[in-house]
Full PDB file with SEQRES, HELIX, SHEET, SSBOND, CRYST1, ORIGX, SCALE, CONECT and MASTER records, all heavy atoms in Angstrom:
SEQRES   1 A   40  VAL ALA ALA ILE ILE ALA MET GLY LYS GLY LEU GLU LEU          
SEQRES   2 A   40  GLU LEU ILE ALA GLU GLY VAL GLU THR ALA GLU GLN LEU          
SEQRES   3 A   40  ASN PHE LEU LYS LYS HIS GLY LEU ARG VAL ILE GLN GLY          
SEQRES   4 A   40  TYR                                                          
HELIX    1 AA1 ALA A    2  GLY A   10  1                                   9    
HELIX    2 AA2 ALA A   23  LYS A   31  1                                   9    
SHEET    1 AA1 2 ILE A  16  GLU A  18  0                                        
SHEET    2 AA1 2 VAL A  36  GLN A  38  1                                        
CRYST1    1.000    1.000    1.000  90.00  90.00  90.00 P 1           1          
ORIGX1      1.000000  0.000000  0.000000        0.00000                         
ORIGX2      0.000000  1.000000  0.000000        0.00000                         
ORIGX3      0.000000  0.000000  1.000000        0.00000                         
SCALE1      1.000000  0.000000  0.000000        0.00000                         
SCALE2      0.000000  1.000000  0.000000        0.00000                         
SCALE3      0.000000  0.000000  1.000000        0.00000                         
ATOM      1  N   VAL A   1     120.407 125.466  84.608  1.00  0.00           N  
ATOM      2  CA  VAL A   1     119.110 125.465  85.276  1.00  0.00           C  
ATOM      3  C   VAL A   1     119.300 125.163  86.773  1.00  0.00           C  
ATOM      4  O   VAL A   1     118.667 125.802  87.653  1.00  0.00           O  
ATOM      5  CB  VAL A   1     118.153 124.433  84.658  1.00  0.00           C  
ATOM      6  CG1 VAL A   1     116.854 124.297  85.447  1.00  0.00           C  
ATOM      7  CG2 VAL A   1     117.833 124.858  83.212  1.00  0.00           C  
ATOM      8  N   ALA A   2     120.152 124.228  87.089  1.00  0.00           N  
ATOM      9  CA  ALA A   2     120.444 123.891  88.492  1.00  0.00           C  
ATOM     10  C   ALA A   2     121.006 125.112  89.223  1.00  0.00           C  
ATOM     11  O   ALA A   2     120.649 125.352  90.400  1.00  0.00           O  
ATOM     12  CB  ALA A   2     121.421 122.717  88.572  1.00  0.00           C  
ATOM     13  N   ALA A   3     121.870 125.893  88.558  1.00  0.00           N  
ATOM     14  CA  ALA A   3     122.440 127.105  89.162  1.00  0.00           C  
ATOM     15  C   ALA A   3     121.363 128.148  89.409  1.00  0.00           C  
ATOM     16  O   ALA A   3     121.391 128.810  90.434  1.00  0.00           O  
ATOM     17  CB  ALA A   3     123.540 127.661  88.252  1.00  0.00           C  
ATOM     18  N   ILE A   4     120.441 128.311  88.465  1.00  0.00           N  
ATOM     19  CA  ILE A   4     119.344 129.293  88.632  1.00  0.00           C  
ATOM     20  C   ILE A   4     118.483 128.896  89.808  1.00  0.00           C  
ATOM     21  O   ILE A   4     118.094 129.740  90.649  1.00  0.00           O  
ATOM     22  CB  ILE A   4     118.520 129.382  87.358  1.00  0.00           C  
ATOM     23  CG1 ILE A   4     119.333 129.994  86.213  1.00  0.00           C  
ATOM     24  CG2 ILE A   4     117.246 130.209  87.615  1.00  0.00           C  
ATOM     25  CD1 ILE A   4     118.620 130.040  84.884  1.00  0.00           C  
ATOM     26  N   ILE A   5     118.194 127.575  89.977  1.00  0.00           N  
ATOM     27  CA  ILE A   5     117.376 127.114  91.089  1.00  0.00           C  
ATOM     28  C   ILE A   5     118.109 127.399  92.414  1.00  0.00           C  
ATOM     29  O   ILE A   5     117.482 127.914  93.379  1.00  0.00           O  
ATOM     30  CB  ILE A   5     117.112 125.602  90.926  1.00  0.00           C  
ATOM     31  CG1 ILE A   5     116.194 125.364  89.723  1.00  0.00           C  
ATOM     32  CG2 ILE A   5     116.447 125.074  92.227  1.00  0.00           C  
ATOM     33  CD1 ILE A   5     115.975 123.893  89.408  1.00  0.00           C  
ATOM     34  N   ALA A   6     119.394 127.113  92.436  1.00  0.00           N  
ATOM     35  CA  ALA A   6     120.166 127.341  93.664  1.00  0.00           C  
ATOM     36  C   ALA A   6     120.233 128.819  93.982  1.00  0.00           C  
ATOM     37  O   ALA A   6     120.111 129.200  95.168  1.00  0.00           O  
ATOM     38  CB  ALA A   6     121.586 126.757  93.499  1.00  0.00           C  
ATOM     39  N   MET A   7     120.409 129.660  92.970  1.00  0.00           N  
ATOM     40  CA  MET A   7     120.443 131.107  93.204  1.00  0.00           C  
ATOM     41  C   MET A   7     119.124 131.611  93.752  1.00  0.00           C  
ATOM     42  O   MET A   7     119.077 132.397  94.687  1.00  0.00           O  
ATOM     43  CB  MET A   7     120.790 131.852  91.935  1.00  0.00           C  
ATOM     44  CG  MET A   7     120.941 133.361  92.122  1.00  0.00           C  
ATOM     45  SD  MET A   7     120.884 134.220  90.565  1.00  0.00           S  
ATOM     46  CE  MET A   7     119.160 133.982  90.103  1.00  0.00           C  
ATOM     47  N   GLY A   8     118.004 131.166  93.147  1.00  0.00           N  
ATOM     48  CA  GLY A   8     116.663 131.568  93.617  1.00  0.00           C  
ATOM     49  C   GLY A   8     116.411 131.168  95.072  1.00  0.00           C  
ATOM     50  O   GLY A   8     115.910 131.964  95.839  1.00  0.00           O  
ATOM     51  N   LYS A   9     116.867 129.983  95.396  1.00  0.00           N  
ATOM     52  CA  LYS A   9     116.732 129.539  96.790  1.00  0.00           C  
ATOM     53  C   LYS A   9     117.578 130.376  97.711  1.00  0.00           C  
ATOM     54  O   LYS A   9     117.142 130.704  98.839  1.00  0.00           O  
ATOM     55  CB  LYS A   9     117.132 128.052  96.918  1.00  0.00           C  
ATOM     56  CG  LYS A   9     116.126 127.080  96.314  1.00  0.00           C  
ATOM     57  CD  LYS A   9     116.545 125.665  96.542  1.00  0.00           C  
ATOM     58  CE  LYS A   9     115.523 124.682  96.061  1.00  0.00           C  
ATOM     59  NZ  LYS A   9     115.963 123.269  96.301  1.00  0.00           N  
ATOM     60  N   GLY A  10     118.768 130.729  97.258  1.00  0.00           N  
ATOM     61  CA  GLY A  10     119.636 131.560  98.073  1.00  0.00           C  
ATOM     62  C   GLY A  10     119.074 132.914  98.364  1.00  0.00           C  
ATOM     63  O   GLY A  10     119.295 133.503  99.398  1.00  0.00           O  
ATOM     64  N   LEU A  11     118.311 133.444  97.369  1.00  0.00           N  
ATOM     65  CA  LEU A  11     117.668 134.751  97.545  1.00  0.00           C  
ATOM     66  C   LEU A  11     116.292 134.619  98.225  1.00  0.00           C  
ATOM     67  O   LEU A  11     115.581 135.639  98.381  1.00  0.00           O  
ATOM     68  CB  LEU A  11     117.503 135.413  96.162  1.00  0.00           C  
ATOM     69  CG  LEU A  11     118.804 135.832  95.471  1.00  0.00           C  
ATOM     70  CD1 LEU A  11     118.509 136.319  94.046  1.00  0.00           C  
ATOM     71  CD2 LEU A  11     119.497 136.919  96.282  1.00  0.00           C  
ATOM     72  N   GLU A  12     115.917 133.361  98.589  1.00  0.00           N  
ATOM     73  CA  GLU A  12     114.668 133.074  99.270  1.00  0.00           C  
ATOM     74  C   GLU A  12     113.469 133.522  98.435  1.00  0.00           C  
ATOM     75  O   GLU A  12     112.494 134.126  98.925  1.00  0.00           O  
ATOM     76  CB  GLU A  12     114.619 133.746 100.643  1.00  0.00           C  
ATOM     77  CG  GLU A  12     115.676 133.224 101.579  1.00  0.00           C  
ATOM     78  CD  GLU A  12     115.575 133.826 102.976  1.00  0.00           C  
ATOM     79  OE1 GLU A  12     114.812 134.823 103.131  1.00  0.00           O  
ATOM     80  OE2 GLU A  12     116.262 133.340 103.875  1.00  0.00           O  
ATOM     81  N   LEU A  13     113.533 133.186  97.134  1.00  0.00           N  
ATOM     82  CA  LEU A  13     112.441 133.498  96.193  1.00  0.00           C  
ATOM     83  C   LEU A  13     111.691 132.254  95.794  1.00  0.00           C  
ATOM     84  O   LEU A  13     112.298 131.180  95.710  1.00  0.00           O  
ATOM     85  CB  LEU A  13     112.999 134.188  94.950  1.00  0.00           C  
ATOM     86  CG  LEU A  13     113.710 135.525  95.141  1.00  0.00           C  
ATOM     87  CD1 LEU A  13     114.372 135.971  93.860  1.00  0.00           C  
ATOM     88  CD2 LEU A  13     112.719 136.586  95.640  1.00  0.00           C  
ATOM     89  N   GLU A  14     110.381 132.373  95.562  1.00  0.00           N  
ATOM     90  CA  GLU A  14     109.616 131.253  95.066  1.00  0.00           C  
ATOM     91  C   GLU A  14     109.992 131.054  93.600  1.00  0.00           C  
ATOM     92  O   GLU A  14     110.135 131.987  92.859  1.00  0.00           O  
ATOM     93  CB  GLU A  14     108.123 131.560  95.156  1.00  0.00           C  
ATOM     94  CG  GLU A  14     107.640 131.725  96.568  1.00  0.00           C  
ATOM     95  CD  GLU A  14     106.154 132.058  96.637  1.00  0.00           C  
ATOM     96  OE1 GLU A  14     105.500 132.016  95.537  1.00  0.00           O  
ATOM     97  OE2 GLU A  14     105.650 132.388  97.703  1.00  0.00           O  
ATOM     98  N   LEU A  15     110.149 129.796  93.233  1.00  0.00           N  
ATOM     99  CA  LEU A  15     110.588 129.451  91.886  1.00  0.00           C  
ATOM    100  C   LEU A  15     109.492 128.722  91.101  1.00  0.00           C  
ATOM    101  O   LEU A  15     108.853 127.851  91.639  1.00  0.00           O  
ATOM    102  CB  LEU A  15     111.855 128.615  91.907  1.00  0.00           C  
ATOM    103  CG  LEU A  15     113.148 129.363  92.346  1.00  0.00           C  
ATOM    104  CD1 LEU A  15     114.150 128.345  92.805  1.00  0.00           C  
ATOM    105  CD2 LEU A  15     113.674 130.168  91.218  1.00  0.00           C  
ATOM    106  N   ILE A  16     109.316 129.099  89.844  1.00  0.00           N  
ATOM    107  CA  ILE A  16     108.398 128.370  88.950  1.00  0.00           C  
ATOM    108  C   ILE A  16     109.115 128.128  87.653  1.00  0.00           C  
ATOM    109  O   ILE A  16     109.781 128.989  87.126  1.00  0.00           O  
ATOM    110  CB  ILE A  16     107.131 129.223  88.683  1.00  0.00           C  
ATOM    111  CG1 ILE A  16     106.343 129.521  89.961  1.00  0.00           C  
ATOM    112  CG2 ILE A  16     106.219 128.523  87.652  1.00  0.00           C  
ATOM    113  CD1 ILE A  16     105.130 130.366  89.742  1.00  0.00           C  
ATOM    114  N   ALA A  17     108.982 126.898  87.153  1.00  0.00           N  
ATOM    115  CA  ALA A  17     109.538 126.571  85.849  1.00  0.00           C  
ATOM    116  C   ALA A  17     108.386 126.506  84.869  1.00  0.00           C  
ATOM    117  O   ALA A  17     107.430 125.757  85.092  1.00  0.00           O  
ATOM    118  CB  ALA A  17     110.257 125.232  85.892  1.00  0.00           C  
ATOM    119  N   GLU A  18     108.460 127.340  83.813  1.00  0.00           N  
ATOM    120  CA  GLU A  18     107.378 127.335  82.827  1.00  0.00           C  
ATOM    121  C   GLU A  18     107.823 126.544  81.595  1.00  0.00           C  
ATOM    122  O   GLU A  18     108.997 126.360  81.308  1.00  0.00           O  
ATOM    123  CB  GLU A  18     106.994 128.767  82.422  1.00  0.00           C  
ATOM    124  CG  GLU A  18     108.095 129.514  81.705  1.00  0.00           C  
ATOM    125  CD  GLU A  18     107.592 130.902  81.254  1.00  0.00           C  
ATOM    126  OE1 GLU A  18     106.392 131.103  81.127  1.00  0.00           O  
ATOM    127  OE2 GLU A  18     108.482 131.782  81.035  1.00  0.00           O  
ATOM    128  N   GLY A  19     106.820 126.077  80.839  1.00  0.00           N  
ATOM    129  CA  GLY A  19     107.116 125.364  79.629  1.00  0.00           C  
ATOM    130  C   GLY A  19     107.495 123.897  79.842  1.00  0.00           C  
ATOM    131  O   GLY A  19     108.165 123.289  78.983  1.00  0.00           O  
ATOM    132  N   VAL A  20     107.109 123.317  80.965  1.00  0.00           N  
ATOM    133  CA  VAL A  20     107.430 121.902  81.236  1.00  0.00           C  
ATOM    134  C   VAL A  20     106.523 121.018  80.427  1.00  0.00           C  
ATOM    135  O   VAL A  20     105.297 121.078  80.547  1.00  0.00           O  
ATOM    136  CB  VAL A  20     107.294 121.588  82.725  1.00  0.00           C  
ATOM    137  CG1 VAL A  20     107.610 120.121  83.012  1.00  0.00           C  
ATOM    138  CG2 VAL A  20     108.193 122.518  83.562  1.00  0.00           C  
ATOM    139  N   GLU A  21     107.122 120.201  79.575  1.00  0.00           N  
ATOM    140  CA  GLU A  21     106.319 119.413  78.624  1.00  0.00           C  
ATOM    141  C   GLU A  21     106.641 117.901  78.703  1.00  0.00           C  
ATOM    142  O   GLU A  21     105.906 117.096  78.086  1.00  0.00           O  
ATOM    143  CB  GLU A  21     106.526 119.890  77.200  1.00  0.00           C  
ATOM    144  CG  GLU A  21     106.082 121.332  76.996  1.00  0.00           C  
ATOM    145  CD  GLU A  21     106.272 121.797  75.549  1.00  0.00           C  
ATOM    146  OE1 GLU A  21     106.798 121.002  74.741  1.00  0.00           O  
ATOM    147  OE2 GLU A  21     105.874 122.968  75.236  1.00  0.00           O  
ATOM    148  N   THR A  22     107.676 117.501  79.368  1.00  0.00           N  
ATOM    149  CA  THR A  22     108.032 116.065  79.433  1.00  0.00           C  
ATOM    150  C   THR A  22     108.244 115.622  80.864  1.00  0.00           C  
ATOM    151  O   THR A  22     108.569 116.416  81.765  1.00  0.00           O  
ATOM    152  CB  THR A  22     109.329 115.797  78.630  1.00  0.00           C  
ATOM    153  OG1 THR A  22     110.440 116.354  79.320  1.00  0.00           O  
ATOM    154  CG2 THR A  22     109.230 116.348  77.213  1.00  0.00           C  
ATOM    155  N   ALA A  23     108.105 114.307  81.063  1.00  0.00           N  
ATOM    156  CA  ALA A  23     108.308 113.705  82.367  1.00  0.00           C  
ATOM    157  C   ALA A  23     109.790 113.868  82.801  1.00  0.00           C  
ATOM    158  O   ALA A  23     110.074 114.071  83.960  1.00  0.00           O  
ATOM    159  CB  ALA A  23     107.932 112.228  82.344  1.00  0.00           C  
ATOM    160  N   GLU A  24     110.701 113.804  81.816  1.00  0.00           N  
ATOM    161  CA  GLU A  24     112.121 113.942  82.143  1.00  0.00           C  
ATOM    162  C   GLU A  24     112.414 115.323  82.683  1.00  0.00           C  
ATOM    163  O   GLU A  24     113.215 115.479  83.637  1.00  0.00           O  
ATOM    164  CB  GLU A  24     112.955 113.653  80.890  1.00  0.00           C  
ATOM    165  CG  GLU A  24     112.999 112.204  80.443  1.00  0.00           C  
ATOM    166  CD  GLU A  24     111.690 111.790  79.763  1.00  0.00           C  
ATOM    167  OE1 GLU A  24     110.902 112.691  79.306  1.00  0.00           O  
ATOM    168  OE2 GLU A  24     111.418 110.545  79.662  1.00  0.00           O  
ATOM    169  N   GLN A  25     111.788 116.330  82.127  1.00  0.00           N  
ATOM    170  CA  GLN A  25     111.984 117.696  82.614  1.00  0.00           C  
ATOM    171  C   GLN A  25     111.447 117.817  84.039  1.00  0.00           C  
ATOM    172  O   GLN A  25     112.067 118.412  84.937  1.00  0.00           O  
ATOM    173  CB  GLN A  25     111.281 118.711  81.726  1.00  0.00           C  
ATOM    174  CG  GLN A  25     111.868 118.811  80.310  1.00  0.00           C  
ATOM    175  CD  GLN A  25     110.990 119.557  79.338  1.00  0.00           C  
ATOM    176  OE1 GLN A  25     109.858 119.922  79.660  1.00  0.00           O  
ATOM    177  NE2 GLN A  25     111.481 119.754  78.125  1.00  0.00           N  
ATOM    178  N   LEU A  26     110.266 117.245  84.258  1.00  0.00           N  
ATOM    179  CA  LEU A  26     109.660 117.310  85.619  1.00  0.00           C  
ATOM    180  C   LEU A  26     110.568 116.645  86.642  1.00  0.00           C  
ATOM    181  O   LEU A  26     110.832 117.207  87.705  1.00  0.00           O  
ATOM    182  CB  LEU A  26     108.294 116.632  85.580  1.00  0.00           C  
ATOM    183  CG  LEU A  26     107.459 116.614  86.896  1.00  0.00           C  
ATOM    184  CD1 LEU A  26     105.986 116.573  86.592  1.00  0.00           C  
ATOM    185  CD2 LEU A  26     107.841 115.454  87.777  1.00  0.00           C  
ATOM    186  N   ASN A  27     111.088 115.479  86.316  1.00  0.00           N  
ATOM    187  CA  ASN A  27     111.924 114.727  87.254  1.00  0.00           C  
ATOM    188  C   ASN A  27     113.259 115.431  87.521  1.00  0.00           C  
ATOM    189  O   ASN A  27     113.742 115.427  88.645  1.00  0.00           O  
ATOM    190  CB  ASN A  27     112.196 113.327  86.719  1.00  0.00           C  
ATOM    191  CG  ASN A  27     110.949 112.437  86.786  1.00  0.00           C  
ATOM    192  OD1 ASN A  27     110.117 112.639  87.640  1.00  0.00           O  
ATOM    193  ND2 ASN A  27     110.799 111.545  85.843  1.00  0.00           N  
ATOM    194  N   PHE A  28     113.786 116.085  86.517  1.00  0.00           N  
ATOM    195  CA  PHE A  28     115.039 116.847  86.712  1.00  0.00           C  
ATOM    196  C   PHE A  28     114.802 118.002  87.689  1.00  0.00           C  
ATOM    197  O   PHE A  28     115.576 118.223  88.596  1.00  0.00           O  
ATOM    198  CB  PHE A  28     115.564 117.393  85.369  1.00  0.00           C  
ATOM    199  CG  PHE A  28     116.770 118.279  85.510  1.00  0.00           C  
ATOM    200  CD1 PHE A  28     118.054 117.721  85.519  1.00  0.00           C  
ATOM    201  CD2 PHE A  28     116.641 119.646  85.706  1.00  0.00           C  
ATOM    202  CE1 PHE A  28     119.178 118.542  85.667  1.00  0.00           C  
ATOM    203  CE2 PHE A  28     117.762 120.470  85.846  1.00  0.00           C  
ATOM    204  CZ  PHE A  28     119.020 119.898  85.828  1.00  0.00           C  
ATOM    205  N   LEU A  29     113.728 118.738  87.446  1.00  0.00           N  
ATOM    206  CA  LEU A  29     113.424 119.885  88.310  1.00  0.00           C  
ATOM    207  C   LEU A  29     113.145 119.430  89.746  1.00  0.00           C  
ATOM    208  O   LEU A  29     113.571 120.075  90.718  1.00  0.00           O  
ATOM    209  CB  LEU A  29     112.242 120.626  87.766  1.00  0.00           C  
ATOM    210  CG  LEU A  29     112.475 121.288  86.377  1.00  0.00           C  
ATOM    211  CD1 LEU A  29     111.141 121.716  85.740  1.00  0.00           C  
ATOM    212  CD2 LEU A  29     113.436 122.458  86.487  1.00  0.00           C  
ATOM    213  N   LYS A  30     112.421 118.317  89.871  1.00  0.00           N  
ATOM    214  CA  LYS A  30     112.092 117.784  91.189  1.00  0.00           C  
ATOM    215  C   LYS A  30     113.371 117.352  91.915  1.00  0.00           C  
ATOM    216  O   LYS A  30     113.529 117.606  93.111  1.00  0.00           O  
ATOM    217  CB  LYS A  30     111.132 116.619  91.045  1.00  0.00           C  
ATOM    218  CG  LYS A  30     110.653 116.031  92.368  1.00  0.00           C  
ATOM    219  CD  LYS A  30     109.629 114.925  92.129  1.00  0.00           C  
ATOM    220  CE  LYS A  30     109.078 114.388  93.446  1.00  0.00           C  
ATOM    221  NZ  LYS A  30     108.098 113.294  93.209  1.00  0.00           N  
ATOM    222  N   LYS A  31     114.270 116.730  91.193  1.00  0.00           N  
ATOM    223  CA  LYS A  31     115.525 116.275  91.759  1.00  0.00           C  
ATOM    224  C   LYS A  31     116.356 117.408  92.299  1.00  0.00           C  
ATOM    225  O   LYS A  31     117.040 117.293  93.331  1.00  0.00           O  
ATOM    226  CB  LYS A  31     116.354 115.534  90.689  1.00  0.00           C  
ATOM    227  CG  LYS A  31     117.720 115.086  91.126  1.00  0.00           C  
ATOM    228  CD  LYS A  31     118.450 114.415  89.972  1.00  0.00           C  
ATOM    229  CE  LYS A  31     119.892 114.055  90.391  1.00  0.00           C  
ATOM    230  NZ  LYS A  31     120.655 113.464  89.271  1.00  0.00           N  
ATOM    231  N   HIS A  32     116.250 118.590  91.684  1.00  0.00           N  
ATOM    232  CA  HIS A  32     117.049 119.759  92.102  1.00  0.00           C  
ATOM    233  C   HIS A  32     116.263 120.702  93.016  1.00  0.00           C  
ATOM    234  O   HIS A  32     116.693 121.822  93.267  1.00  0.00           O  
ATOM    235  CB  HIS A  32     117.560 120.517  90.883  1.00  0.00           C  
ATOM    236  CG  HIS A  32     118.705 119.809  90.184  1.00  0.00           C  
ATOM    237  ND1 HIS A  32     118.435 118.780  89.272  1.00  0.00           N  
ATOM    238  CD2 HIS A  32     120.039 119.931  90.291  1.00  0.00           C  
ATOM    239  CE1 HIS A  32     119.574 118.342  88.829  1.00  0.00           C  
ATOM    240  NE2 HIS A  32     120.571 119.013  89.409  1.00  0.00           N  
ATOM    241  N   GLY A  33     115.148 120.212  93.527  1.00  0.00           N  
ATOM    242  CA  GLY A  33     114.447 120.923  94.602  1.00  0.00           C  
ATOM    243  C   GLY A  33     113.459 121.958  94.171  1.00  0.00           C  
ATOM    244  O   GLY A  33     112.941 122.715  95.008  1.00  0.00           O  
ATOM    245  N   LEU A  34     113.126 122.049  92.886  1.00  0.00           N  
ATOM    246  CA  LEU A  34     112.108 122.955  92.437  1.00  0.00           C  
ATOM    247  C   LEU A  34     110.748 122.319  92.636  1.00  0.00           C  
ATOM    248  O   LEU A  34     110.529 121.176  92.265  1.00  0.00           O  
ATOM    249  CB  LEU A  34     112.307 123.355  90.968  1.00  0.00           C  
ATOM    250  CG  LEU A  34     111.406 124.472  90.470  1.00  0.00           C  
ATOM    251  CD1 LEU A  34     112.183 125.456  89.575  1.00  0.00           C  
ATOM    252  CD2 LEU A  34     110.209 123.908  89.704  1.00  0.00           C  
ATOM    253  N   ARG A  35     109.820 123.100  93.187  1.00  0.00           N  
ATOM    254  CA  ARG A  35     108.500 122.497  93.537  1.00  0.00           C  
ATOM    255  C   ARG A  35     107.359 122.846  92.612  1.00  0.00           C  
ATOM    256  O   ARG A  35     106.394 122.070  92.501  1.00  0.00           O  
ATOM    257  CB  ARG A  35     108.127 122.952  94.984  1.00  0.00           C  
ATOM    258  CG  ARG A  35     109.016 122.321  96.030  1.00  0.00           C  
ATOM    259  CD  ARG A  35     108.423 122.458  97.424  1.00  0.00           C  
ATOM    260  NE  ARG A  35     107.096 121.857  97.523  1.00  0.00           N  
ATOM    261  CZ  ARG A  35     106.559 121.488  98.655  1.00  0.00           C  
ATOM    262  NH1 ARG A  35     107.210 121.676  99.797  1.00  0.00           N  
ATOM    263  NH2 ARG A  35     105.351 120.953  98.710  1.00  0.00           N  
ATOM    264  N   VAL A  36     107.420 124.031  91.985  1.00  0.00           N  
ATOM    265  CA  VAL A  36     106.239 124.475  91.219  1.00  0.00           C  
ATOM    266  C   VAL A  36     106.548 124.552  89.712  1.00  0.00           C  
ATOM    267  O   VAL A  36     107.545 125.115  89.314  1.00  0.00           O  
ATOM    268  CB  VAL A  36     105.766 125.850  91.692  1.00  0.00           C  
ATOM    269  CG1 VAL A  36     104.510 126.325  90.937  1.00  0.00           C  
ATOM    270  CG2 VAL A  36     105.426 125.821  93.209  1.00  0.00           C  
ATOM    271  N   ILE A  37     105.690 123.905  88.917  1.00  0.00           N  
ATOM    272  CA  ILE A  37     105.869 123.932  87.503  1.00  0.00           C  
ATOM    273  C   ILE A  37     104.596 124.398  86.779  1.00  0.00           C  
ATOM    274  O   ILE A  37     103.513 124.364  87.365  1.00  0.00           O  
ATOM    275  CB  ILE A  37     106.286 122.549  86.918  1.00  0.00           C  
ATOM    276  CG1 ILE A  37     105.114 121.540  87.025  1.00  0.00           C  
ATOM    277  CG2 ILE A  37     107.540 122.034  87.611  1.00  0.00           C  
ATOM    278  CD1 ILE A  37     105.343 120.280  86.276  1.00  0.00           C  
ATOM    279  N   GLN A  38     104.784 124.776  85.543  1.00  0.00           N  
ATOM    280  CA  GLN A  38     103.668 125.255  84.718  1.00  0.00           C  
ATOM    281  C   GLN A  38     103.979 124.798  83.283  1.00  0.00           C  
ATOM    282  O   GLN A  38     105.047 125.019  82.800  1.00  0.00           O  
ATOM    283  CB  GLN A  38     103.564 126.776  84.793  1.00  0.00           C  
ATOM    284  CG  GLN A  38     102.552 127.422  83.878  1.00  0.00           C  
ATOM    285  CD  GLN A  38     102.578 128.921  83.968  1.00  0.00           C  
ATOM    286  OE1 GLN A  38     103.069 129.498  84.970  1.00  0.00           O  
ATOM    287  NE2 GLN A  38     102.148 129.630  82.933  1.00  0.00           N  
ATOM    288  N   GLY A  39     103.041 124.118  82.649  1.00  0.00           N  
ATOM    289  CA  GLY A  39     103.318 123.670  81.266  1.00  0.00           C  
ATOM    290  C   GLY A  39     102.325 122.694  80.785  1.00  0.00           C  
ATOM    291  O   GLY A  39     101.442 122.173  81.505  1.00  0.00           O  
ATOM    292  N   TYR A  40     102.444 122.347  79.460  1.00  0.00           N  
ATOM    293  CA  TYR A  40     101.485 121.487  78.801  1.00  0.00           C  
ATOM    294  C   TYR A  40     101.558 120.056  79.298  1.00  0.00           C  
ATOM    295  O   TYR A  40     100.636 119.266  79.031  1.00  0.00           O  
ATOM    296  CB  TYR A  40     101.738 121.537  77.284  1.00  0.00           C  
ATOM    297  CG  TYR A  40     101.101 122.695  76.584  1.00  0.00           C  
ATOM    298  CD1 TYR A  40     101.436 124.012  76.953  1.00  0.00           C  
ATOM    299  CD2 TYR A  40     100.151 122.497  75.648  1.00  0.00           C  
ATOM    300  CE1 TYR A  40     100.853 125.093  76.310  1.00  0.00           C  
ATOM    301  CE2 TYR A  40      99.537 123.567  74.969  1.00  0.00           C  
ATOM    302  CZ  TYR A  40      99.887 124.874  75.324  1.00  0.00           C  
ATOM    303  OH  TYR A  40      99.273 125.952  74.707  1.00  0.00           O  
TER     304      TYR A  40                                                      
MASTER        0    0    0    2    2    0    0    6  303    1    0    4          
END                                                                             
């Protein structure tokens, strides 16, 4: 997931993580620089 985020940033694309359901997932994504999430 960290590699996908880095690749998306390298291509200058907006990134969204879908299916975020736990605080741990949110914090991991935030730590790796992803800003937009979608999920329950």
